[in-house]
Amino acid sequence: MILVALLIYPFINAAQAQLVFNQPYTYGLLSQRYHYYILGAIGVVVSLKRNWITLDQLEKYFVYSMYIILFIMYFFYIFVDPSLFSGTEFVKLTGYKGWIYEFPNGATAGLLIYAAITVLKDNKRRHIITLLLSFSFFPNLWTRPIPNFNSCPCFTSFLL
């Protein structure tokens, strides 16, 4: 019954936003993306409990999805001018660098920590390239003050 409520809730909010604010229905659905994260997590737990997927398959899917996200972020950093996306939440204007991308660093941090664990604990040397790519995605680690999000995954991986 709770899952039904989680499924219906974003649609109700989207309809209310359309009626009250004359906002497009899809914007209302997209604004409720955290509910979809919860549903995805519940789906993973149910899939593991019912043996639809194994833990090794889940790990493989996780790593492949992180590679895809890292590839997309590198592609945009290297080949696409961020000023094309001015006015969106993916870029911001800084005084010293101009337009820069504001991608979520959680995916890169997850891949960085995973690669550090597999290299240090499991001695899987093939993940050294992944570790270096993930480290290179945090180039401003040493130019900012210490208490920021970018330093957390690096210091965590050093502690491992």
N, C-alpha and C. Protein backbone atom coordinates (compact mmCIF):
# COMPACT_ATOMS: atom_id res chain seq x y z
N MET A 1 0.81 -1.19 0.00
CA MET A 1 0.00 0.00 0.00
C MET A 1 0.86 1.26 0.00
N ILE A 2 2.00 1.20 0.70
CA ILE A 2 2.90 2.34 0.73
C ILE A 2 3.50 2.57 -0.66
N LEU A 3 3.81 1.48 -1.37
CA LEU A 3 4.37 1.63 -2.71
C LEU A 3 3.37 2.27 -3.66
N VAL A 4 2.10 1.96 -3.51
CA VAL A 4 1.09 2.58 -4.35
C VAL A 4 1.04 4.08 -4.08
N ALA A 5 1.13 4.45 -2.82
CA ALA A 5 1.14 5.88 -2.48
C ALA A 5 2.37 6.57 -3.06
N LEU A 6 3.53 5.90 -3.01
CA LEU A 6 4.75 6.49 -3.59
C LEU A 6 4.64 6.62 -5.10
N LEU A 7 3.91 5.72 -5.74
CA LEU A 7 3.73 5.81 -7.19
C LEU A 7 2.77 6.92 -7.58
N ILE A 8 1.73 7.11 -6.80
CA ILE A 8 0.69 8.07 -7.14
C ILE A 8 1.06 9.50 -6.74
N TYR A 9 1.80 9.65 -5.65
CA TYR A 9 2.13 10.97 -5.09
C TYR A 9 2.73 11.94 -6.10
N PRO A 10 3.74 11.56 -6.91
CA PRO A 10 4.28 12.53 -7.88
C PRO A 10 3.26 12.99 -8.91
N PHE A 11 2.36 12.10 -9.31
CA PHE A 11 1.34 12.49 -10.30
C PHE A 11 0.35 13.49 -9.70
N ILE A 12 0.01 13.31 -8.43
CA ILE A 12 -0.89 14.25 -7.76
C ILE A 12 -0.22 15.63 -7.65
N ASN A 13 1.04 15.65 -7.25
CA ASN A 13 1.77 16.92 -7.15
C ASN A 13 1.91 17.60 -8.50
N ALA A 14 2.15 16.83 -9.54
CA ALA A 14 2.28 17.41 -10.88
C ALA A 14 0.95 18.03 -11.33
N ALA A 15 -0.15 17.34 -11.03
CA ALA A 15 -1.47 17.87 -11.40
C ALA A 15 -1.78 19.14 -10.62
N GLN A 16 -1.44 19.17 -9.33
CA GLN A 16 -1.68 20.37 -8.53
C GLN A 16 -0.83 21.54 -9.02
N ALA A 17 0.42 21.27 -9.38
CA ALA A 17 1.29 22.35 -9.88
C ALA A 17 0.75 22.89 -11.21
N GLN A 18 0.17 22.00 -12.01
CA GLN A 18 -0.39 22.45 -13.28
C GLN A 18 -1.64 23.31 -13.05
N LEU A 19 -2.46 22.92 -12.11
CA LEU A 19 -3.68 23.68 -11.83
C LEU A 19 -3.40 25.02 -11.16
N VAL A 20 -2.51 25.01 -10.17
CA VAL A 20 -2.28 26.21 -9.38
C VAL A 20 -1.34 27.20 -10.09
N PHE A 21 -0.22 26.69 -10.60
CA PHE A 21 0.80 27.57 -11.17
C PHE A 21 0.84 27.56 -12.69
N ASN A 22 -0.02 26.79 -13.33
CA ASN A 22 -0.03 26.64 -14.78
C ASN A 22 1.31 26.14 -15.30
N GLN A 23 1.92 25.28 -14.53
CA GLN A 23 3.22 24.70 -14.85
C GLN A 23 2.99 23.45 -15.70
N PRO A 24 3.87 23.18 -16.68
CA PRO A 24 3.70 21.95 -17.47
C PRO A 24 3.73 20.70 -16.58
N TYR A 25 2.95 19.73 -16.97
CA TYR A 25 2.79 18.51 -16.17
C TYR A 25 4.12 17.76 -16.01
N THR A 26 4.92 17.74 -17.06
CA THR A 26 6.19 17.01 -16.98
C THR A 26 7.16 17.68 -16.01
N TYR A 27 7.13 19.01 -15.89
CA TYR A 27 7.99 19.68 -14.91
C TYR A 27 7.62 19.25 -13.49
N GLY A 28 6.31 19.12 -13.25
CA GLY A 28 5.87 18.66 -11.94
C GLY A 28 6.33 17.25 -11.64
N LEU A 29 6.32 16.39 -12.66
CA LEU A 29 6.81 15.02 -12.46
C LEU A 29 8.31 15.00 -12.22
N LEU A 30 9.04 15.81 -12.97
CA LEU A 30 10.49 15.83 -12.82
C LEU A 30 10.92 16.44 -11.49
N SER A 31 10.11 17.31 -10.94
CA SER A 31 10.47 17.91 -9.65
C SER A 31 10.34 16.90 -8.51
N GLN A 32 9.66 15.81 -8.75
CA GLN A 32 9.50 14.77 -7.73
C GLN A 32 10.48 13.63 -7.94
N ARG A 33 11.66 13.91 -8.48
CA ARG A 33 12.61 12.85 -8.82
C ARG A 33 13.11 12.07 -7.61
N TYR A 34 13.06 12.65 -6.43
CA TYR A 34 13.54 11.93 -5.25
C TYR A 34 12.62 10.76 -4.90
N HIS A 35 11.36 10.87 -5.25
CA HIS A 35 10.48 9.73 -5.05
C HIS A 35 10.87 8.57 -5.96
N TYR A 36 11.34 8.90 -7.15
CA TYR A 36 11.77 7.85 -8.07
C TYR A 36 13.06 7.20 -7.58
N TYR A 37 13.91 7.96 -6.91
CA TYR A 37 15.10 7.37 -6.30
C TYR A 37 14.71 6.35 -5.24
N ILE A 38 13.73 6.71 -4.43
CA ILE A 38 13.25 5.79 -3.39
C ILE A 38 12.67 4.53 -4.02
N LEU A 39 11.86 4.72 -5.06
CA LEU A 39 11.29 3.56 -5.75
C LEU A 39 12.37 2.68 -6.38
N GLY A 40 13.40 3.30 -6.92
CA GLY A 40 14.52 2.53 -7.47
C GLY A 40 15.24 1.74 -6.41
N ALA A 41 15.45 2.34 -5.25
CA ALA A 41 16.11 1.63 -4.15
C ALA A 41 15.26 0.46 -3.67
N ILE A 42 13.96 0.68 -3.57
CA ILE A 42 13.06 -0.40 -3.16
C ILE A 42 13.08 -1.51 -4.21
N GLY A 43 13.12 -1.13 -5.49
CA GLY A 43 13.19 -2.12 -6.55
C GLY A 43 14.45 -2.96 -6.49
N VAL A 44 15.58 -2.33 -6.16
CA VAL A 44 16.83 -3.08 -6.02
C VAL A 44 16.75 -4.06 -4.85
N VAL A 45 16.22 -3.61 -3.72
CA VAL A 45 16.11 -4.49 -2.55
C VAL A 45 15.20 -5.68 -2.86
N VAL A 46 14.06 -5.42 -3.49
CA VAL A 46 13.13 -6.50 -3.83
C VAL A 46 13.78 -7.46 -4.83
N SER A 47 14.50 -6.93 -5.81
CA SER A 47 15.16 -7.78 -6.80
C SER A 47 16.22 -8.67 -6.15
N LEU A 48 16.94 -8.13 -5.18
CA LEU A 48 17.94 -8.94 -4.48
C LEU A 48 17.29 -10.00 -3.59
N LYS A 49 16.21 -9.65 -2.90
CA LYS A 49 15.54 -10.61 -2.03
C LYS A 49 14.91 -11.74 -2.81
N ARG A 50 14.38 -11.45 -3.99
CA ARG A 50 13.72 -12.48 -4.79
C ARG A 50 14.68 -13.18 -5.75
N ASN A 51 15.95 -12.88 -5.64
CA ASN A 51 17.01 -13.49 -6.45
C ASN A 51 16.81 -13.25 -7.95
N TRP A 52 16.23 -12.11 -8.32
CA TRP A 52 16.14 -11.75 -9.72
C TRP A 52 17.51 -11.32 -10.24
N ILE A 53 18.30 -10.69 -9.36
CA ILE A 53 19.68 -10.34 -9.66
C ILE A 53 20.53 -10.74 -8.47
N THR A 54 21.79 -10.99 -8.73
CA THR A 54 22.72 -11.32 -7.65
C THR A 54 23.49 -10.08 -7.25
N LEU A 55 24.20 -10.18 -6.16
CA LEU A 55 25.00 -9.05 -5.70
C LEU A 55 26.13 -8.74 -6.68
N ASP A 56 26.69 -9.77 -7.31
CA ASP A 56 27.74 -9.54 -8.31
C ASP A 56 27.19 -8.81 -9.53
N GLN A 57 25.98 -9.18 -9.96
CA GLN A 57 25.37 -8.47 -11.08
C GLN A 57 25.08 -7.02 -10.72
N LEU A 58 24.61 -6.79 -9.51
CA LEU A 58 24.33 -5.43 -9.08
C LEU A 58 25.61 -4.59 -9.07
N GLU A 59 26.70 -5.18 -8.59
CA GLU A 59 27.98 -4.48 -8.59
C GLU A 59 28.42 -4.16 -10.02
N LYS A 60 28.26 -5.13 -10.92
CA LYS A 60 28.64 -4.92 -12.32
C LYS A 60 27.79 -3.81 -12.95
N TYR A 61 26.48 -3.82 -12.71
CA TYR A 61 25.60 -2.78 -13.25
C TYR A 61 25.95 -1.41 -12.68
N PHE A 62 26.27 -1.37 -11.39
CA PHE A 62 26.66 -0.12 -10.74
C PHE A 62 27.92 0.46 -11.39
N VAL A 63 28.92 -0.38 -11.56
CA VAL A 63 30.18 0.09 -12.13
C VAL A 63 29.98 0.53 -13.58
N TYR A 64 29.23 -0.22 -14.37
CA TYR A 64 28.99 0.18 -15.76
C TYR A 64 28.23 1.50 -15.83
N SER A 65 27.25 1.68 -14.98
CA SER A 65 26.51 2.94 -15.00
C SER A 65 27.40 4.11 -14.58
N MET A 66 28.30 3.89 -13.64
CA MET A 66 29.22 4.95 -13.24
C MET A 66 30.20 5.29 -14.37
N TYR A 67 30.64 4.26 -15.12
CA TYR A 67 31.50 4.53 -16.28
C TYR A 67 30.77 5.36 -17.32
N ILE A 68 29.51 5.04 -17.57
CA ILE A 68 28.73 5.80 -18.56
C ILE A 68 28.57 7.25 -18.11
N ILE A 69 28.26 7.46 -16.83
CA ILE A 69 28.11 8.82 -16.32
C ILE A 69 29.43 9.58 -16.40
N LEU A 70 30.54 8.92 -16.04
CA LEU A 70 31.84 9.57 -16.11
C LEU A 70 32.20 9.91 -17.55
N PHE A 71 31.90 9.01 -18.49
CA PHE A 71 32.17 9.28 -19.90
C PHE A 71 31.37 10.49 -20.39
N ILE A 72 30.09 10.55 -20.02
CA ILE A 72 29.25 11.68 -20.44
C ILE A 72 29.79 12.98 -19.87
N MET A 73 30.18 12.98 -18.59
CA MET A 73 30.70 14.21 -17.98
C MET A 73 32.00 14.64 -18.65
N TYR A 74 32.92 13.68 -18.92
CA TYR A 74 34.16 14.03 -19.61
C TYR A 74 33.88 14.53 -21.02
N PHE A 75 32.94 13.92 -21.72
CA PHE A 75 32.59 14.36 -23.06
C PHE A 75 32.14 15.81 -23.04
N PHE A 76 31.27 16.15 -22.10
CA PHE A 76 30.79 17.53 -22.03
C PHE A 76 31.92 18.48 -21.64
N TYR A 77 32.78 18.08 -20.70
CA TYR A 77 33.88 18.95 -20.30
C TYR A 77 34.84 19.22 -21.44
N ILE A 78 35.08 18.20 -22.27
CA ILE A 78 36.09 18.34 -23.31
C ILE A 78 35.53 18.97 -24.59
N PHE A 79 34.34 18.55 -25.02
CA PHE A 79 33.87 18.92 -26.35
C PHE A 79 32.73 19.93 -26.41
N VAL A 80 31.99 20.16 -25.34
CA VAL A 80 30.79 21.00 -25.41
C VAL A 80 31.02 22.27 -24.59
N ASP A 81 30.78 23.40 -25.21
CA ASP A 81 30.93 24.69 -24.54
C ASP A 81 29.83 24.86 -23.49
N PRO A 82 30.19 25.10 -22.22
CA PRO A 82 29.16 25.21 -21.19
C PRO A 82 28.27 26.44 -21.33
N SER A 83 28.70 27.45 -22.07
CA SER A 83 27.86 28.64 -22.21
C SER A 83 26.60 28.35 -23.03
N LEU A 84 26.58 27.23 -23.74
CA LEU A 84 25.37 26.84 -24.47
C LEU A 84 24.22 26.54 -23.52
N PHE A 85 24.56 26.15 -22.29
CA PHE A 85 23.55 25.77 -21.31
C PHE A 85 23.35 26.84 -20.24
N SER A 86 23.68 28.08 -20.56
CA SER A 86 23.49 29.15 -19.58
C SER A 86 22.01 29.27 -19.24
N GLY A 87 21.74 29.48 -17.98
CA GLY A 87 20.36 29.56 -17.53
C GLY A 87 19.81 28.24 -17.03
N THR A 88 20.60 27.19 -17.08
CA THR A 88 20.17 25.90 -16.54
C THR A 88 20.94 25.62 -15.26
N GLU A 89 20.56 24.57 -14.59
CA GLU A 89 21.23 24.24 -13.33
C GLU A 89 22.52 23.46 -13.54
N PHE A 90 22.87 23.15 -14.78
CA PHE A 90 24.07 22.37 -15.05
C PHE A 90 25.32 23.22 -15.18
N VAL A 91 25.17 24.51 -15.35
CA VAL A 91 26.32 25.39 -15.48
C VAL A 91 26.16 26.59 -14.54
N LYS A 92 27.29 27.19 -14.24
CA LYS A 92 27.24 28.43 -13.46
C LYS A 92 28.36 29.35 -13.97
N LEU A 93 28.16 30.61 -13.77
CA LEU A 93 29.12 31.62 -14.21
C LEU A 93 30.00 32.00 -13.03
N THR A 94 31.30 31.82 -13.19
CA THR A 94 32.24 32.20 -12.15
C THR A 94 33.05 33.39 -12.65
N GLY A 95 33.56 34.15 -11.72
CA GLY A 95 34.32 35.34 -12.08
C GLY A 95 35.68 35.05 -12.65
N TYR A 96 36.27 33.92 -12.30
CA TYR A 96 37.64 33.66 -12.72
C TYR A 96 37.74 32.59 -13.80
N LYS A 97 36.72 31.74 -13.99
CA LYS A 97 36.77 30.70 -15.01
C LYS A 97 35.72 30.87 -16.10
N GLY A 98 34.79 31.76 -15.92
CA GLY A 98 33.70 31.90 -16.88
C GLY A 98 32.64 30.84 -16.61
N TRP A 99 32.02 30.33 -17.66
CA TRP A 99 31.00 29.30 -17.50
C TRP A 99 31.65 27.96 -17.23
N ILE A 100 31.21 27.28 -16.17
CA ILE A 100 31.72 25.94 -15.85
C ILE A 100 30.53 25.03 -15.58
N TYR A 101 30.75 23.73 -15.79
CA TYR A 101 29.70 22.74 -15.55
C TYR A 101 29.57 22.47 -14.06
N GLU A 102 28.37 22.21 -13.64
CA GLU A 102 28.06 21.85 -12.25
C GLU A 102 27.41 20.47 -12.25
N PHE A 103 28.17 19.45 -12.60
CA PHE A 103 27.64 18.10 -12.58
C PHE A 103 27.61 17.59 -11.15
N PRO A 104 26.71 16.67 -10.83
CA PRO A 104 26.73 16.07 -9.49
C PRO A 104 27.97 15.21 -9.34
N ASN A 105 28.69 15.44 -8.27
CA ASN A 105 29.93 14.71 -8.06
C ASN A 105 29.73 13.37 -7.37
N GLY A 106 28.51 13.03 -7.02
CA GLY A 106 28.26 11.77 -6.33
C GLY A 106 28.64 10.56 -7.15
N ALA A 107 28.36 10.59 -8.44
CA ALA A 107 28.70 9.46 -9.31
C ALA A 107 30.21 9.29 -9.41
N THR A 108 30.92 10.39 -9.57
CA THR A 108 32.36 10.32 -9.66
C THR A 108 32.97 9.90 -8.33
N ALA A 109 32.42 10.39 -7.25
CA ALA A 109 32.92 10.00 -5.93
C ALA A 109 32.67 8.52 -5.67
N GLY A 110 31.51 8.02 -6.08
CA GLY A 110 31.24 6.59 -5.92
C GLY A 110 32.20 5.74 -6.71
N LEU A 111 32.49 6.13 -7.94
CA LEU A 111 33.44 5.37 -8.76
C LEU A 111 34.85 5.49 -8.21
N LEU A 112 35.21 6.64 -7.68
CA LEU A 112 36.53 6.83 -7.09
C LEU A 112 36.71 5.93 -5.88
N ILE A 113 35.75 5.89 -5.00
CA ILE A 113 35.85 5.06 -3.80
C ILE A 113 35.83 3.58 -4.17
N TYR A 114 34.98 3.20 -5.13
CA TYR A 114 34.94 1.80 -5.57
C TYR A 114 36.29 1.39 -6.15
N ALA A 115 36.87 2.23 -7.01
CA ALA A 115 38.16 1.90 -7.62
C ALA A 115 39.25 1.82 -6.56
N ALA A 116 39.24 2.72 -5.59
CA ALA A 116 40.25 2.69 -4.53
C ALA A 116 40.15 1.41 -3.72
N ILE A 117 38.93 0.99 -3.40
CA ILE A 117 38.74 -0.24 -2.63
C ILE A 117 39.21 -1.45 -3.43
N THR A 118 38.85 -1.52 -4.70
CA THR A 118 39.23 -2.69 -5.50
C THR A 118 40.73 -2.74 -5.75
N VAL A 119 41.36 -1.57 -5.88
CA VAL A 119 42.81 -1.57 -6.09
C VAL A 119 43.55 -1.93 -4.81
N LEU A 120 43.15 -1.32 -3.69
CA LEU A 120 43.89 -1.52 -2.45
C LEU A 120 43.54 -2.82 -1.74
N LYS A 121 42.28 -3.17 -1.70
CA LYS A 121 41.86 -4.34 -0.93
C LYS A 121 41.90 -5.62 -1.75
N ASP A 122 41.35 -5.58 -2.96
CA ASP A 122 41.23 -6.79 -3.76
C ASP A 122 42.38 -6.99 -4.74
N ASN A 123 43.32 -6.03 -4.79
CA ASN A 123 44.48 -6.09 -5.68
C ASN A 123 44.09 -6.26 -7.14
N LYS A 124 43.03 -5.60 -7.55
CA LYS A 124 42.63 -5.62 -8.95
C LYS A 124 43.27 -4.42 -9.63
N ARG A 125 44.41 -4.63 -10.23
CA ARG A 125 45.20 -3.55 -10.82
C ARG A 125 44.52 -2.91 -12.02
N ARG A 126 43.55 -3.59 -12.62
CA ARG A 126 42.90 -3.02 -13.81
C ARG A 126 42.08 -1.78 -13.47
N HIS A 127 41.77 -1.56 -12.19
CA HIS A 127 40.99 -0.40 -11.79
C HIS A 127 41.86 0.83 -11.49
N ILE A 128 43.16 0.72 -11.73
CA ILE A 128 44.05 1.88 -11.52
C ILE A 128 43.68 3.00 -12.51
N ILE A 129 43.34 2.63 -13.74
CA ILE A 129 42.94 3.63 -14.73
C ILE A 129 41.66 4.33 -14.27
N THR A 130 40.71 3.57 -13.74
CA THR A 130 39.47 4.16 -13.21
C THR A 130 39.78 5.10 -12.06
N LEU A 131 40.68 4.69 -11.19
CA LEU A 131 41.06 5.52 -10.06
C LEU A 131 41.69 6.83 -10.54
N LEU A 132 42.57 6.76 -11.52
CA LEU A 132 43.21 7.97 -12.03
C LEU A 132 42.21 8.88 -12.75
N LEU A 133 41.28 8.29 -13.52
CA LEU A 133 40.26 9.11 -14.17
C LEU A 133 39.37 9.80 -13.15
N SER A 134 39.02 9.09 -12.10
CA SER A 134 38.18 9.68 -11.07
C SER A 134 38.92 10.78 -10.32
N PHE A 135 40.20 10.54 -10.02
CA PHE A 135 40.99 11.56 -9.35
C PHE A 135 41.13 12.81 -10.21
N SER A 136 41.29 12.61 -11.51
CA SER A 136 41.47 13.77 -12.38
C SER A 136 40.20 14.59 -12.52
N PHE A 137 39.06 14.02 -12.14
CA PHE A 137 37.82 14.77 -12.21
C PHE A 137 37.69 15.78 -11.07
N PHE A 138 38.56 15.68 -10.07
CA PHE A 138 38.56 16.61 -8.94
C PHE A 138 39.80 17.50 -9.00
N PRO A 139 39.96 18.29 -10.06
CA PRO A 139 41.21 19.06 -10.19
C PRO A 139 41.32 20.22 -9.22
N ASN A 140 40.22 20.71 -8.71
CA ASN A 140 40.29 21.86 -7.82
C ASN A 140 40.34 21.46 -6.36
N LEU A 141 40.73 20.23 -6.09
CA LEU A 141 40.78 19.74 -4.71
C LEU A 141 41.76 20.55 -3.86
N TRP A 142 42.91 20.87 -4.43
CA TRP A 142 43.94 21.52 -3.62
C TRP A 142 43.85 23.04 -3.68
N THR A 143 42.99 23.60 -4.55
CA THR A 143 42.90 25.05 -4.65
C THR A 143 41.79 25.63 -3.80
N ARG A 144 40.91 24.79 -3.27
CA ARG A 144 39.81 25.27 -2.42
C ARG A 144 40.13 24.97 -0.96
N PRO A 145 39.40 25.58 -0.05
CA PRO A 145 39.56 25.22 1.35
C PRO A 145 39.18 23.76 1.58
N ILE A 146 39.69 23.18 2.64
CA ILE A 146 39.51 21.76 2.91
C ILE A 146 38.05 21.34 3.08
N PRO A 147 37.20 22.01 3.84
CA PRO A 147 35.86 21.45 4.06
C PRO A 147 34.92 21.65 2.87
N ASN A 148 35.09 20.87 1.84
CA ASN A 148 34.15 20.88 0.73
C ASN A 148 33.87 19.45 0.30
N PHE A 149 32.91 19.28 -0.57
CA PHE A 149 32.50 17.94 -0.96
C PHE A 149 33.57 17.22 -1.76
N ASN A 150 34.32 17.95 -2.56
CA ASN A 150 35.32 17.30 -3.41
C ASN A 150 36.43 16.64 -2.61
N SER A 151 36.72 17.15 -1.43
CA SER A 151 37.79 16.56 -0.64
C SER A 151 37.35 15.29 0.08
N CYS A 152 36.08 15.13 0.32
CA CYS A 152 35.59 13.98 1.09
C CYS A 152 35.92 12.64 0.43
N PRO A 153 35.62 12.43 -0.86
CA PRO A 153 35.94 11.12 -1.44
C PRO A 153 37.43 10.86 -1.52
N CYS A 154 38.22 11.90 -1.76
CA CYS A 154 39.66 11.70 -1.84
C CYS A 154 40.23 11.31 -0.49
N PHE A 155 39.83 12.01 0.57
CA PHE A 155 40.34 11.67 1.88
C PHE A 155 39.82 10.32 2.34
N THR A 156 38.61 9.98 1.96
CA THR A 156 38.07 8.65 2.30
C THR A 156 38.89 7.57 1.62
N SER A 157 39.23 7.78 0.35
CA SER A 157 40.00 6.77 -0.34
C SER A 157 41.43 6.68 0.22
N PHE A 158 41.98 7.79 0.70
CA PHE A 158 43.30 7.71 1.32
C PHE A 158 43.25 6.95 2.63
N LEU A 159 42.14 7.00 3.35
CA LEU A 159 42.03 6.28 4.61
C LEU A 159 41.90 4.78 4.41
N LEU A 160 41.41 4.39 3.23
CA LEU A 160 41.26 2.96 2.97
C LEU A 160 42.61 2.32 2.80
